Amino acid sequence: MKFSVALLIVSLLMAGNASASNDRRACKEELRKLNDALSVNYTGQNHHGYRQAKASRDNLEYKKCANQARKARERVERDGDL
């Protein structure tokens, strides 16, 4: 019984690490995409979104980083179409 509880705890920890790794990758990818979009359409407002996403990454909030970078990139692309 103790072995199965220990195995459950270890498996949950490993699943959490895999999730965090995916969040880090998503953050990195979204920041790269945002940086590419900013090279085409740079404004102070767009740069502010980039800085917010990067600050979230520095605070190890990778899911928040990916969401902020995605939203900022979508804003840049939408404003560029106008």
N, C-alpha and C. Protein backbone atom coordinates (compact mmCIF):
# COMPACT_ATOMS: atom_id res chain seq x y z
N MET A 1 0.82 -1.19 0.00
CA MET A 1 0.00 0.00 0.00
C MET A 1 0.87 1.26 0.00
N LYS A 2 1.90 1.27 0.84
CA LYS A 2 2.79 2.42 0.90
C LYS A 2 3.49 2.62 -0.44
N PHE A 3 3.84 1.51 -1.07
CA PHE A 3 4.51 1.59 -2.36
C PHE A 3 3.61 2.25 -3.41
N SER A 4 2.34 1.89 -3.42
CA SER A 4 1.42 2.46 -4.43
C SER A 4 1.19 3.95 -4.18
N VAL A 5 1.15 4.38 -2.93
CA VAL A 5 0.99 5.80 -2.62
C VAL A 5 2.24 6.55 -3.07
N ALA A 6 3.41 5.99 -2.79
CA ALA A 6 4.65 6.62 -3.21
C ALA A 6 4.73 6.69 -4.73
N LEU A 7 4.33 5.64 -5.40
CA LEU A 7 4.33 5.62 -6.86
C LEU A 7 3.38 6.67 -7.43
N LEU A 8 2.24 6.83 -6.82
CA LEU A 8 1.27 7.84 -7.24
C LEU A 8 1.85 9.24 -7.10
N ILE A 9 2.50 9.51 -5.99
CA ILE A 9 3.10 10.83 -5.76
C ILE A 9 4.21 11.11 -6.77
N VAL A 10 5.04 10.14 -7.01
CA VAL A 10 6.13 10.31 -7.98
C VAL A 10 5.56 10.55 -9.38
N SER A 11 4.53 9.82 -9.75
CA SER A 11 3.96 9.99 -11.09
C SER A 11 3.32 11.38 -11.23
N LEU A 12 2.68 11.88 -10.18
CA LEU A 12 2.10 13.22 -10.23
C LEU A 12 3.17 14.29 -10.35
N LEU A 13 4.28 14.10 -9.65
CA LEU A 13 5.38 15.06 -9.76
C LEU A 13 5.97 15.07 -11.17
N MET A 14 6.11 13.91 -11.75
CA MET A 14 6.66 13.83 -13.11
C MET A 14 5.69 14.46 -14.12
N ALA A 15 4.40 14.26 -13.93
CA ALA A 15 3.41 14.87 -14.83
C ALA A 15 3.44 16.39 -14.70
N GLY A 16 3.63 16.89 -13.48
CA GLY A 16 3.73 18.34 -13.27
C GLY A 16 4.94 18.92 -13.95
N ASN A 17 6.06 18.20 -13.91
CA ASN A 17 7.27 18.67 -14.58
C ASN A 17 7.10 18.68 -16.09
N ALA A 18 6.42 17.69 -16.64
CA ALA A 18 6.19 17.65 -18.08
C ALA A 18 5.29 18.81 -18.50
N SER A 19 4.30 19.12 -17.69
CA SER A 19 3.40 20.23 -17.99
C SER A 19 4.17 21.55 -17.96
N ALA A 20 5.02 21.73 -16.97
CA ALA A 20 5.82 22.96 -16.87
C ALA A 20 6.76 23.08 -18.06
N SER A 21 7.31 21.96 -18.50
CA SER A 21 8.20 21.98 -19.66
C SER A 21 7.44 22.41 -20.91
N ASN A 22 6.21 21.92 -21.07
CA ASN A 22 5.40 22.32 -22.21
C ASN A 22 5.06 23.80 -22.14
N ASP A 23 4.78 24.30 -20.94
CA ASP A 23 4.49 25.72 -20.77
C ASP A 23 5.70 26.57 -21.13
N ARG A 24 6.89 26.13 -20.73
CA ARG A 24 8.12 26.88 -21.08
C ARG A 24 8.32 26.92 -22.58
N ARG A 25 8.08 25.78 -23.24
CA ARG A 25 8.22 25.75 -24.70
C ARG A 25 7.21 26.68 -25.37
N ALA A 26 5.96 26.65 -24.88
CA ALA A 26 4.92 27.50 -25.47
C ALA A 26 5.27 28.97 -25.27
N CYS A 27 5.77 29.31 -24.11
CA CYS A 27 6.17 30.69 -23.82
C CYS A 27 7.28 31.13 -24.77
N LYS A 28 8.29 30.30 -24.90
CA LYS A 28 9.42 30.62 -25.77
C LYS A 28 8.97 30.79 -27.22
N GLU A 29 8.10 29.91 -27.68
CA GLU A 29 7.62 29.96 -29.06
C GLU A 29 6.77 31.20 -29.30
N GLU A 30 5.88 31.52 -28.37
CA GLU A 30 5.03 32.70 -28.53
C GLU A 30 5.85 33.99 -28.48
N LEU A 31 6.86 34.04 -27.62
CA LEU A 31 7.73 35.22 -27.58
C LEU A 31 8.49 35.37 -28.90
N ARG A 32 8.92 34.26 -29.49
CA ARG A 32 9.61 34.33 -30.77
C ARG A 32 8.68 34.85 -31.86
N LYS A 33 7.46 34.34 -31.88
CA LYS A 33 6.47 34.78 -32.88
C LYS A 33 6.15 36.27 -32.70
N LEU A 34 6.01 36.68 -31.44
CA LEU A 34 5.73 38.09 -31.16
C LEU A 34 6.89 38.96 -31.60
N ASN A 35 8.10 38.53 -31.33
CA ASN A 35 9.28 39.29 -31.75
C ASN A 35 9.32 39.41 -33.27
N ASP A 36 8.99 38.35 -33.98
CA ASP A 36 8.95 38.40 -35.44
C ASP A 36 7.89 39.39 -35.92
N ALA A 37 6.73 39.37 -35.28
CA ALA A 37 5.64 40.29 -35.65
C ALA A 37 6.03 41.73 -35.35
N LEU A 38 6.75 41.95 -34.25
CA LEU A 38 7.17 43.30 -33.89
C LEU A 38 8.19 43.86 -34.87
N SER A 39 8.97 43.00 -35.48
CA SER A 39 9.97 43.49 -36.43
C SER A 39 9.30 44.10 -37.66
N VAL A 40 8.03 43.73 -37.90
CA VAL A 40 7.28 44.26 -39.04
C VAL A 40 6.49 45.51 -38.63
N ASN A 41 5.90 45.49 -37.44
CA ASN A 41 5.01 46.57 -37.01
C ASN A 41 5.34 46.96 -35.58
N TYR A 42 6.31 47.83 -35.38
CA TYR A 42 6.75 48.20 -34.04
C TYR A 42 6.07 49.48 -33.58
N THR A 43 5.45 49.43 -32.42
CA THR A 43 4.93 50.63 -31.75
C THR A 43 5.21 50.48 -30.26
N GLY A 44 5.07 51.56 -29.54
CA GLY A 44 5.29 51.52 -28.09
C GLY A 44 4.31 50.59 -27.39
N GLN A 45 3.04 50.60 -27.84
CA GLN A 45 2.04 49.72 -27.23
C GLN A 45 2.40 48.25 -27.44
N ASN A 46 2.85 47.91 -28.64
CA ASN A 46 3.23 46.53 -28.93
C ASN A 46 4.43 46.12 -28.08
N HIS A 47 5.39 47.04 -27.93
CA HIS A 47 6.57 46.74 -27.12
C HIS A 47 6.18 46.52 -25.67
N HIS A 48 5.18 47.24 -25.19
CA HIS A 48 4.71 47.07 -23.81
C HIS A 48 4.18 45.64 -23.61
N GLY A 49 3.44 45.12 -24.58
CA GLY A 49 2.95 43.75 -24.49
C GLY A 49 4.08 42.74 -24.44
N TYR A 50 5.12 43.00 -25.22
CA TYR A 50 6.30 42.13 -25.23
C TYR A 50 6.98 42.16 -23.86
N ARG A 51 7.12 43.35 -23.30
CA ARG A 51 7.77 43.46 -21.99
C ARG A 51 6.97 42.77 -20.90
N GLN A 52 5.63 42.86 -20.97
CA GLN A 52 4.80 42.18 -19.98
C GLN A 52 4.98 40.66 -20.06
N ALA A 53 4.96 40.14 -21.28
CA ALA A 53 5.13 38.69 -21.46
C ALA A 53 6.50 38.24 -20.98
N LYS A 54 7.50 39.04 -21.29
CA LYS A 54 8.86 38.69 -20.88
C LYS A 54 9.01 38.75 -19.36
N ALA A 55 8.35 39.70 -18.72
CA ALA A 55 8.39 39.78 -17.25
C ALA A 55 7.73 38.55 -16.64
N SER A 56 6.65 38.08 -17.23
CA SER A 56 6.00 36.86 -16.73
C SER A 56 6.95 35.68 -16.86
N ARG A 57 7.67 35.62 -17.98
CA ARG A 57 8.64 34.54 -18.16
C ARG A 57 9.73 34.62 -17.09
N ASP A 58 10.21 35.82 -16.82
CA ASP A 58 11.25 35.98 -15.82
C ASP A 58 10.77 35.60 -14.42
N ASN A 59 9.45 35.72 -14.19
CA ASN A 59 8.87 35.34 -12.90
C ASN A 59 8.44 33.87 -12.88
N LEU A 60 8.82 33.13 -13.90
CA LEU A 60 8.53 31.70 -14.03
C LEU A 60 7.04 31.41 -14.17
N GLU A 61 6.29 32.37 -14.69
CA GLU A 61 4.86 32.19 -14.96
C GLU A 61 4.71 31.91 -16.45
N TYR A 62 5.07 30.70 -16.86
CA TYR A 62 5.18 30.39 -18.29
C TYR A 62 3.83 30.36 -19.00
N LYS A 63 2.81 29.87 -18.35
CA LYS A 63 1.49 29.83 -18.99
C LYS A 63 0.99 31.26 -19.22
N LYS A 64 1.18 32.12 -18.23
CA LYS A 64 0.78 33.52 -18.35
C LYS A 64 1.61 34.20 -19.44
N CYS A 65 2.88 33.89 -19.50
CA CYS A 65 3.77 34.44 -20.52
C CYS A 65 3.26 34.09 -21.92
N ALA A 66 2.93 32.82 -22.13
CA ALA A 66 2.46 32.38 -23.45
C ALA A 66 1.16 33.07 -23.82
N ASN A 67 0.24 33.21 -22.86
CA ASN A 67 -1.03 33.88 -23.14
C ASN A 67 -0.83 35.35 -23.47
N GLN A 68 0.01 36.04 -22.70
CA GLN A 68 0.25 37.45 -22.96
C GLN A 68 0.93 37.67 -24.31
N ALA A 69 1.90 36.84 -24.61
CA ALA A 69 2.61 36.98 -25.89
C ALA A 69 1.68 36.69 -27.06
N ARG A 70 0.83 35.67 -26.91
CA ARG A 70 -0.12 35.34 -27.99
C ARG A 70 -1.09 36.49 -28.22
N LYS A 71 -1.63 37.05 -27.15
CA LYS A 71 -2.57 38.16 -27.28
C LYS A 71 -1.90 39.39 -27.88
N ALA A 72 -0.68 39.68 -27.46
CA ALA A 72 0.04 40.83 -28.01
C ALA A 72 0.34 40.61 -29.49
N ARG A 73 0.72 39.39 -29.87
CA ARG A 73 1.00 39.10 -31.28
C ARG A 73 -0.26 39.24 -32.11
N GLU A 74 -1.38 38.72 -31.60
CA GLU A 74 -2.64 38.84 -32.33
C GLU A 74 -3.03 40.30 -32.49
N ARG A 75 -2.76 41.13 -31.48
CA ARG A 75 -3.06 42.56 -31.56
C ARG A 75 -2.19 43.21 -32.64
N VAL A 76 -0.91 42.85 -32.67
CA VAL A 76 0.00 43.41 -33.67
C VAL A 76 -0.47 43.02 -35.08
N GLU A 77 -0.82 41.75 -35.25
CA GLU A 77 -1.25 41.30 -36.56
C GLU A 77 -2.57 41.94 -36.97
N ARG A 78 -3.48 42.11 -36.01
CA ARG A 78 -4.77 42.73 -36.32
C ARG A 78 -4.59 44.20 -36.68
N ASP A 79 -3.74 44.92 -35.92
CA ASP A 79 -3.49 46.33 -36.20
C ASP A 79 -2.75 46.51 -37.52
N GLY A 80 -1.94 45.55 -37.87
CA GLY A 80 -1.20 45.63 -39.14
C GLY A 80 -2.11 45.46 -40.34
N ASP A 81 -3.25 44.79 -40.15
CA ASP A 81 -4.19 44.57 -41.26
C ASP A 81 -5.04 45.81 -41.53
N LEU A 82 -5.10 46.73 -40.56
CA LEU A 82 -5.97 47.90 -40.73
C LEU A 82 -5.39 48.92 -41.67
